[in-house]
Amino acid sequence: MTAGVNEPRYPSLRGIMGAKSKPMDRWAPADLGLEGVGGAAAGQTVVSVTAAEERRAGEVVTDDGDGAHRIVLLLARARVI
């Protein structure tokens, strides 16, 4: 019963060519009964837009026997733990 569930269905060339000639309906929000959507009716305004800060280079910890301790100190300094 579920043998073909995970099998992708690829469109045939005939189906692709037939889809090109089909009319495409374009609906406005009013056609769907969604008056007052977006714009001033959204209830939200964008106050400011700023670029995200650039990522800083990380720190490489080589394990000379105390690597785990140094990682714990780095995580504590970053207030992760």
PDB file of N, CA and C in Angstrom:
ATOM      1  N   MET A   1       0.807  -1.187   0.000  1.00  0.00           N
ATOM      2  CA  MET A   1       0.000   0.000   0.000  1.00  0.00           C
ATOM      3  C   MET A   1       0.859   1.262   0.000  1.00  0.00           C
ATOM      4  N   THR A   2       2.021   1.238   0.644  1.00  0.00           N
ATOM      5  CA  THR A   2       2.890   2.408   0.688  1.00  0.00           C
ATOM      6  C   THR A   2       4.163   2.190  -0.122  1.00  0.00           C
ATOM      7  N   ALA A   3       4.118   1.337  -1.116  1.00  0.00           N
ATOM      8  CA  ALA A   3       5.313   1.010  -1.876  1.00  0.00           C
ATOM      9  C   ALA A   3       5.855   2.199  -2.648  1.00  0.00           C
ATOM     10  N   GLY A   4       5.018   3.038  -3.219  1.00  0.00           N
ATOM     11  CA  GLY A   4       5.496   4.135  -4.041  1.00  0.00           C
ATOM     12  C   GLY A   4       5.487   5.485  -3.354  1.00  0.00           C
ATOM     13  N   VAL A   5       5.408   5.506  -2.037  1.00  0.00           N
ATOM     14  CA  VAL A   5       5.289   6.768  -1.315  1.00  0.00           C
ATOM     15  C   VAL A   5       6.549   7.619  -1.478  1.00  0.00           C
ATOM     16  N   ASN A   6       7.712   7.015  -1.408  1.00  0.00           N
ATOM     17  CA  ASN A   6       8.953   7.774  -1.459  1.00  0.00           C
ATOM     18  C   ASN A   6       9.535   7.864  -2.861  1.00  0.00           C
ATOM     19  N   GLU A   7       8.800   7.458  -3.853  1.00  0.00           N
ATOM     20  CA  GLU A   7       9.270   7.543  -5.227  1.00  0.00           C
ATOM     21  C   GLU A   7       8.879   8.891  -5.812  1.00  0.00           C
ATOM     22  N   PRO A   8       9.855   9.678  -6.300  1.00  0.00           N
ATOM     23  CA  PRO A   8       9.497  10.971  -6.893  1.00  0.00           C
ATOM     24  C   PRO A   8       8.745  10.798  -8.202  1.00  0.00           C
ATOM     25  N   ARG A   9       7.840  11.723  -8.472  1.00  0.00           N
ATOM     26  CA  ARG A   9       7.081  11.705  -9.722  1.00  0.00           C
ATOM     27  C   ARG A   9       7.620  12.812 -10.612  1.00  0.00           C
ATOM     28  N   TYR A  10       8.245  12.439 -11.705  1.00  0.00           N
ATOM     29  CA  TYR A  10       8.821  13.405 -12.615  1.00  0.00           C
ATOM     30  C   TYR A  10       7.816  13.737 -13.709  1.00  0.00           C
ATOM     31  N   PRO A  11       7.715  15.010 -14.080  1.00  0.00           N
ATOM     32  CA  PRO A  11       6.764  15.373 -15.134  1.00  0.00           C
ATOM     33  C   PRO A  11       7.258  14.892 -16.488  1.00  0.00           C
ATOM     34  N   SER A  12       6.316  14.503 -17.306  1.00  0.00           N
ATOM     35  CA  SER A  12       6.652  14.079 -18.666  1.00  0.00           C
ATOM     36  C   SER A  12       6.748  15.317 -19.556  1.00  0.00           C
ATOM     37  N   LEU A  13       7.380  15.161 -20.704  1.00  0.00           N
ATOM     38  CA  LEU A  13       7.491  16.270 -21.641  1.00  0.00           C
ATOM     39  C   LEU A  13       6.114  16.711 -22.103  1.00  0.00           C
ATOM     40  N   ARG A  14       5.223  15.762 -22.303  1.00  0.00           N
ATOM     41  CA  ARG A  14       3.855  16.094 -22.719  1.00  0.00           C
ATOM     42  C   ARG A  14       3.156  16.937 -21.643  1.00  0.00           C
ATOM     43  N   GLY A  15       3.343  16.578 -20.389  1.00  0.00           N
ATOM     44  CA  GLY A  15       2.732  17.332 -19.294  1.00  0.00           C
ATOM     45  C   GLY A  15       3.303  18.744 -19.184  1.00  0.00           C
ATOM     46  N   ILE A  16       4.620  18.891 -19.383  1.00  0.00           N
ATOM     47  CA  ILE A  16       5.257  20.207 -19.320  1.00  0.00           C
ATOM     48  C   ILE A  16       4.734  21.094 -20.442  1.00  0.00           C
ATOM     49  N   MET A  17       4.677  20.553 -21.645  1.00  0.00           N
ATOM     50  CA  MET A  17       4.206  21.334 -22.785  1.00  0.00           C
ATOM     51  C   MET A  17       2.727  21.682 -22.639  1.00  0.00           C
ATOM     52  N   GLY A  18       1.933  20.780 -22.082  1.00  0.00           N
ATOM     53  CA  GLY A  18       0.514  21.044 -21.872  1.00  0.00           C
ATOM     54  C   GLY A  18       0.288  22.109 -20.812  1.00  0.00           C
ATOM     55  N   ALA A  19       1.157  22.176 -19.813  1.00  0.00           N
ATOM     56  CA  ALA A  19       1.009  23.161 -18.740  1.00  0.00           C
ATOM     57  C   ALA A  19       1.290  24.575 -19.239  1.00  0.00           C
ATOM     58  N   LYS A  20       2.107  24.697 -20.272  1.00  0.00           N
ATOM     59  CA  LYS A  20       2.424  26.025 -20.804  1.00  0.00           C
ATOM     60  C   LYS A  20       1.205  26.710 -21.409  1.00  0.00           C
ATOM     61  N   SER A  21       0.298  25.929 -21.950  1.00  0.00           N
ATOM     62  CA  SER A  21      -0.858  26.521 -22.623  1.00  0.00           C
ATOM     63  C   SER A  21      -2.055  26.722 -21.696  1.00  0.00           C
ATOM     64  N   LYS A  22      -1.970  26.274 -20.461  1.00  0.00           N
ATOM     65  CA  LYS A  22      -3.085  26.427 -19.524  1.00  0.00           C
ATOM     66  C   LYS A  22      -3.146  27.865 -19.015  1.00  0.00           C
ATOM     67  N   PRO A  23      -4.346  28.415 -18.838  1.00  0.00           N
ATOM     68  CA  PRO A  23      -4.450  29.765 -18.274  1.00  0.00           C
ATOM     69  C   PRO A  23      -4.090  29.745 -16.787  1.00  0.00           C
ATOM     70  N   MET A  24      -3.474  30.835 -16.347  1.00  0.00           N
ATOM     71  CA  MET A  24      -3.064  30.925 -14.949  1.00  0.00           C
ATOM     72  C   MET A  24      -3.937  31.962 -14.255  1.00  0.00           C
ATOM     73  N   ASP A  25      -4.669  31.543 -13.245  1.00  0.00           N
ATOM     74  CA  ASP A  25      -5.546  32.448 -12.508  1.00  0.00           C
ATOM     75  C   ASP A  25      -4.714  33.279 -11.539  1.00  0.00           C
ATOM     76  N   ARG A  26      -4.959  34.581 -11.514  1.00  0.00           N
ATOM     77  CA  ARG A  26      -4.300  35.473 -10.558  1.00  0.00           C
ATOM     78  C   ARG A  26      -5.377  36.026  -9.648  1.00  0.00           C
ATOM     79  N   TRP A  27      -5.231  35.759  -8.378  1.00  0.00           N
ATOM     80  CA  TRP A  27      -6.220  36.182  -7.407  1.00  0.00           C
ATOM     81  C   TRP A  27      -5.667  37.326  -6.568  1.00  0.00           C
ATOM     82  N   ALA A  28      -6.514  38.258  -6.268  1.00  0.00           N
ATOM     83  CA  ALA A  28      -6.177  39.361  -5.373  1.00  0.00           C
ATOM     84  C   ALA A  28      -6.639  38.981  -3.963  1.00  0.00           C
ATOM     85  N   PRO A  29      -6.107  39.628  -2.939  1.00  0.00           N
ATOM     86  CA  PRO A  29      -6.563  39.318  -1.580  1.00  0.00           C
ATOM     87  C   PRO A  29      -8.071  39.488  -1.409  1.00  0.00           C
ATOM     88  N   ALA A  30      -8.677  40.447  -2.119  1.00  0.00           N
ATOM     89  CA  ALA A  30     -10.119  40.655  -2.002  1.00  0.00           C
ATOM     90  C   ALA A  30     -10.896  39.467  -2.568  1.00  0.00           C
ATOM     91  N   ASP A  31     -10.346  38.786  -3.586  1.00  0.00           N
ATOM     92  CA  ASP A  31     -11.009  37.611  -4.142  1.00  0.00           C
ATOM     93  C   ASP A  31     -11.097  36.481  -3.119  1.00  0.00           C
ATOM     94  N   LEU A  32     -10.178  36.472  -2.167  1.00  0.00           N
ATOM     95  CA  LEU A  32     -10.139  35.423  -1.147  1.00  0.00           C
ATOM     96  C   LEU A  32     -10.794  35.853   0.160  1.00  0.00           C
ATOM     97  N   GLY A  33     -11.375  37.049   0.158  1.00  0.00           N
ATOM     98  CA  GLY A  33     -12.024  37.536   1.378  1.00  0.00           C
ATOM     99  C   GLY A  33     -11.026  38.030   2.401  1.00  0.00           C
ATOM    100  N   LEU A  34      -9.891  38.532   1.954  1.00  0.00           N
ATOM    101  CA  LEU A  34      -8.854  38.985   2.870  1.00  0.00           C
ATOM    102  C   LEU A  34      -8.673  40.498   2.787  1.00  0.00           C
ATOM    103  N   GLU A  35      -9.749  41.243   2.928  1.00  0.00           N
ATOM    104  CA  GLU A  35      -9.646  42.688   2.901  1.00  0.00           C
ATOM    105  C   GLU A  35      -8.887  43.147   4.137  1.00  0.00           C
ATOM    106  N   GLY A  36      -8.132  44.192   3.999  1.00  0.00           N
ATOM    107  CA  GLY A  36      -7.401  44.743   5.140  1.00  0.00           C
ATOM    108  C   GLY A  36      -6.174  43.942   5.495  1.00  0.00           C
ATOM    109  N   VAL A  37      -5.518  43.343   4.513  1.00  0.00           N
ATOM    110  CA  VAL A  37      -4.309  42.570   4.772  1.00  0.00           C
ATOM    111  C   VAL A  37      -3.115  43.350   4.264  1.00  0.00           C
ATOM    112  N   GLY A  38      -2.062  43.429   5.059  1.00  0.00           N
ATOM    113  CA  GLY A  38      -0.838  44.095   4.647  1.00  0.00           C
ATOM    114  C   GLY A  38      -0.927  45.598   4.779  1.00  0.00           C
ATOM    115  N   GLY A  39       0.183  46.251   4.515  1.00  0.00           N
ATOM    116  CA  GLY A  39       0.233  47.710   4.571  1.00  0.00           C
ATOM    117  C   GLY A  39      -0.107  48.241   5.950  1.00  0.00           C
ATOM    118  N   ALA A  40      -0.954  49.246   6.003  1.00  0.00           N
ATOM    119  CA  ALA A  40      -1.324  49.870   7.277  1.00  0.00           C
ATOM    120  C   ALA A  40      -2.136  48.932   8.156  1.00  0.00           C
ATOM    121  N   ALA A  41      -2.816  47.963   7.562  1.00  0.00           N
ATOM    122  CA  ALA A  41      -3.635  47.041   8.339  1.00  0.00           C
ATOM    123  C   ALA A  41      -2.800  45.990   9.058  1.00  0.00           C
ATOM    124  N   ALA A  42      -1.514  45.903   8.749  1.00  0.00           N
ATOM    125  CA  ALA A  42      -0.668  44.887   9.366  1.00  0.00           C
ATOM    126  C   ALA A  42      -0.440  45.149  10.847  1.00  0.00           C
ATOM    127  N   GLY A  43      -0.486  46.393  11.259  1.00  0.00           N
ATOM    128  CA  GLY A  43      -0.297  46.704  12.673  1.00  0.00           C
ATOM    129  C   GLY A  43       1.159  46.715  13.079  1.00  0.00           C
ATOM    130  N   GLN A  44       2.069  46.662  12.136  1.00  0.00           N
ATOM    131  CA  GLN A  44       3.489  46.679  12.435  1.00  0.00           C
ATOM    132  C   GLN A  44       4.165  47.675  11.515  1.00  0.00           C
ATOM    133  N   THR A  45       5.202  48.304  12.022  1.00  0.00           N
ATOM    134  CA  THR A  45       5.994  49.211  11.200  1.00  0.00           C
ATOM    135  C   THR A  45       7.467  48.869  11.383  1.00  0.00           C
ATOM    136  N   VAL A  46       8.241  49.056  10.332  1.00  0.00           N
ATOM    137  CA  VAL A  46       9.685  48.838  10.398  1.00  0.00           C
ATOM    138  C   VAL A  46      10.307  50.116  10.909  1.00  0.00           C
ATOM    139  N   VAL A  47      10.991  50.022  12.032  1.00  0.00           N
ATOM    140  CA  VAL A  47      11.584  51.198  12.650  1.00  0.00           C
ATOM    141  C   VAL A  47      12.963  51.475  12.055  1.00  0.00           C
ATOM    142  N   SER A  48      13.783  50.429  11.932  1.00  0.00           N
ATOM    143  CA  SER A  48      15.113  50.610  11.355  1.00  0.00           C
ATOM    144  C   SER A  48      15.617  49.282  10.823  1.00  0.00           C
ATOM    145  N   VAL A  49      16.567  49.387   9.919  1.00  0.00           N
ATOM    146  CA  VAL A  49      17.196  48.207   9.342  1.00  0.00           C
ATOM    147  C   VAL A  49      18.703  48.404   9.430  1.00  0.00           C
ATOM    148  N   THR A  50      19.393  47.444  10.015  1.00  0.00           N
ATOM    149  CA  THR A  50      20.846  47.527  10.126  1.00  0.00           C
ATOM    150  C   THR A  50      21.461  46.238   9.617  1.00  0.00           C
ATOM    151  N   ALA A  51      22.686  46.347   9.144  1.00  0.00           N
ATOM    152  CA  ALA A  51      23.403  45.169   8.662  1.00  0.00           C
ATOM    153  C   ALA A  51      23.862  44.334   9.853  1.00  0.00           C
ATOM    154  N   ALA A  52      23.890  43.032   9.667  1.00  0.00           N
ATOM    155  CA  ALA A  52      24.357  42.141  10.726  1.00  0.00           C
ATOM    156  C   ALA A  52      25.860  42.312  10.897  1.00  0.00           C
ATOM    157  N   GLU A  53      26.320  42.137  12.119  1.00  0.00           N
ATOM    158  CA  GLU A  53      27.757  42.286  12.351  1.00  0.00           C
ATOM    159  C   GLU A  53      28.505  41.124  11.699  1.00  0.00           C
ATOM    160  N   GLU A  54      29.711  41.408  11.260  1.00  0.00           N
ATOM    161  CA  GLU A  54      30.497  40.392  10.588  1.00  0.00           C
ATOM    162  C   GLU A  54      30.971  39.350  11.592  1.00  0.00           C
ATOM    163  N   ARG A  55      31.107  38.136  11.092  1.00  0.00           N
ATOM    164  CA  ARG A  55      31.575  37.069  11.969  1.00  0.00           C
ATOM    165  C   ARG A  55      33.055  37.259  12.267  1.00  0.00           C
ATOM    166  N   ARG A  56      33.393  37.018  13.506  1.00  0.00           N
ATOM    167  CA  ARG A  56      34.787  37.130  13.916  1.00  0.00           C
ATOM    168  C   ARG A  56      35.481  35.786  13.733  1.00  0.00           C
ATOM    169  N   ALA A  57      36.783  35.835  13.627  1.00  0.00           N
ATOM    170  CA  ALA A  57      37.552  34.606  13.486  1.00  0.00           C
ATOM    171  C   ALA A  57      37.466  33.809  14.782  1.00  0.00           C
ATOM    172  N   GLY A  58      37.400  32.525  14.653  1.00  0.00           N
ATOM    173  CA  GLY A  58      37.321  31.663  15.823  1.00  0.00           C
ATOM    174  C   GLY A  58      38.695  31.395  16.408  1.00  0.00           C
ATOM    175  N   GLU A  59      38.716  30.641  17.462  1.00  0.00           N
ATOM    176  CA  GLU A  59      39.968  30.288  18.119  1.00  0.00           C
ATOM    177  C   GLU A  59      40.179  28.793  17.990  1.00  0.00           C
ATOM    178  N   VAL A  60      41.357  28.408  17.555  1.00  0.00           N
ATOM    179  CA  VAL A  60      41.691  27.001  17.397  1.00  0.00           C
ATOM    180  C   VAL A  60      42.330  26.526  18.691  1.00  0.00           C
ATOM    181  N   VAL A  61      41.785  25.452  19.251  1.00  0.00           N
ATOM    182  CA  VAL A  61      42.315  24.887  20.485  1.00  0.00           C
ATOM    183  C   VAL A  61      43.003  23.573  20.127  1.00  0.00           C
ATOM    184  N   THR A  62      44.309  23.553  20.308  1.00  0.00           N
ATOM    185  CA  THR A  62      45.045  22.310  20.083  1.00  0.00           C
ATOM    186  C   THR A  62      45.126  21.576  21.424  1.00  0.00           C
ATOM    187  N   ASP A  63      45.005  20.270  21.359  1.00  0.00           N
ATOM    188  CA  ASP A  63      44.968  19.472  22.579  1.00  0.00           C
ATOM    189  C   ASP A  63      46.378  19.042  22.966  1.00  0.00           C
ATOM    190  N   ASP A  64      46.900  19.707  23.992  1.00  0.00           N
ATOM    191  CA  ASP A  64      48.210  19.346  24.540  1.00  0.00           C
ATOM    192  C   ASP A  64      48.037  18.650  25.885  1.00  0.00           C
ATOM    193  N   GLY A  65      46.880  18.035  26.072  1.00  0.00           N
ATOM    194  CA  GLY A  65      46.589  17.377  27.327  1.00  0.00           C
ATOM    195  C   GLY A  65      45.591  18.159  28.168  1.00  0.00           C
ATOM    196  N   ASP A  66      45.477  19.467  27.910  1.00  0.00           N
ATOM    197  CA  ASP A  66      44.545  20.290  28.665  1.00  0.00           C
ATOM    198  C   ASP A  66      43.512  20.937  27.740  1.00  0.00           C
ATOM    199  N   GLY A  67      43.262  20.334  26.595  1.00  0.00           N
ATOM    200  CA  GLY A  67      42.333  20.884  25.599  1.00  0.00           C
ATOM    201  C   GLY A  67      40.916  21.008  26.128  1.00  0.00           C
ATOM    202  N   ALA A  68      40.449  19.997  26.836  1.00  0.00           N
ATOM    203  CA  ALA A  68      39.082  20.030  27.366  1.00  0.00           C
ATOM    204  C   ALA A  68      38.917  21.172  28.362  1.00  0.00           C
ATOM    205  N   HIS A  69      39.925  21.372  29.206  1.00  0.00           N
ATOM    206  CA  HIS A  69      39.860  22.466  30.183  1.00  0.00           C
ATOM    207  C   HIS A  69      39.834  23.819  29.483  1.00  0.00           C
ATOM    208  N   ARG A  70      40.626  23.982  28.420  1.00  0.00           N
ATOM    209  CA  ARG A  70      40.659  25.244  27.684  1.00  0.00           C
ATOM    210  C   ARG A  70      39.326  25.500  26.973  1.00  0.00           C
ATOM    211  N   ILE A  71      38.688  24.434  26.460  1.00  0.00           N
ATOM    212  CA  ILE A  71      37.384  24.586  25.815  1.00  0.00           C
ATOM    213  C   ILE A  71      36.338  25.021  26.833  1.00  0.00           C
ATOM    214  N   VAL A  72      36.382  24.425  28.024  1.00  0.00           N
ATOM    215  CA  VAL A  72      35.445  24.809  29.081  1.00  0.00           C
ATOM    216  C   VAL A  72      35.647  26.272  29.452  1.00  0.00           C
ATOM    217  N   LEU A  73      36.887  26.727  29.532  1.00  0.00           N
ATOM    218  CA  LEU A  73      37.141  28.137  29.843  1.00  0.00           C
ATOM    219  C   LEU A  73      36.625  29.059  28.735  1.00  0.00           C
ATOM    220  N   LEU A  74      36.796  28.658  27.473  1.00  0.00           N
ATOM    221  CA  LEU A  74      36.292  29.459  26.366  1.00  0.00           C
ATOM    222  C   LEU A  74      34.766  29.546  26.401  1.00  0.00           C
ATOM    223  N   LEU A  75      34.098  28.424  26.672  1.00  0.00           N
ATOM    224  CA  LEU A  75      32.638  28.428  26.743  1.00  0.00           C
ATOM    225  C   LEU A  75      32.132  29.238  27.925  1.00  0.00           C
ATOM    226  N   ALA A  76      32.851  29.193  29.045  1.00  0.00           N
ATOM    227  CA  ALA A  76      32.460  29.983  30.205  1.00  0.00           C
ATOM    228  C   ALA A  76      32.661  31.475  29.929  1.00  0.00           C
ATOM    229  N   ARG A  77      33.731  31.821  29.222  1.00  0.00           N
ATOM    230  CA  ARG A  77      33.984  33.229  28.889  1.00  0.00           C
ATOM    231  C   ARG A  77      32.915  33.749  27.919  1.00  0.00           C
ATOM    232  N   ALA A  78      32.395  32.872  27.039  1.00  0.00           N
ATOM    233  CA  ALA A  78      31.341  33.267  26.108  1.00  0.00           C
ATOM    234  C   ALA A  78      29.957  33.169  26.753  1.00  0.00           C
ATOM    235  N   ARG A  79      29.920  32.770  28.014  1.00  0.00           N
ATOM    236  CA  ARG A  79      28.676  32.620  28.792  1.00  0.00           C
ATOM    237  C   ARG A  79      27.708  31.632  28.163  1.00  0.00           C
ATOM    238  N   VAL A  80      28.287  30.558  27.584  1.00  0.00           N
ATOM    239  CA  VAL A  80      27.478  29.489  27.027  1.00  0.00           C
ATOM    240  C   VAL A  80      27.142  28.490  28.133  1.00  0.00           C
ATOM    241  N   ILE A  81      28.101  28.285  29.023  1.00  0.00           N
ATOM    242  CA  ILE A  81      27.878  27.389  30.165  1.00  0.00           C
ATOM    243  C   ILE A  81      28.105  28.139  31.455  1.00  0.00           C
TER     244      ILE A  81
END
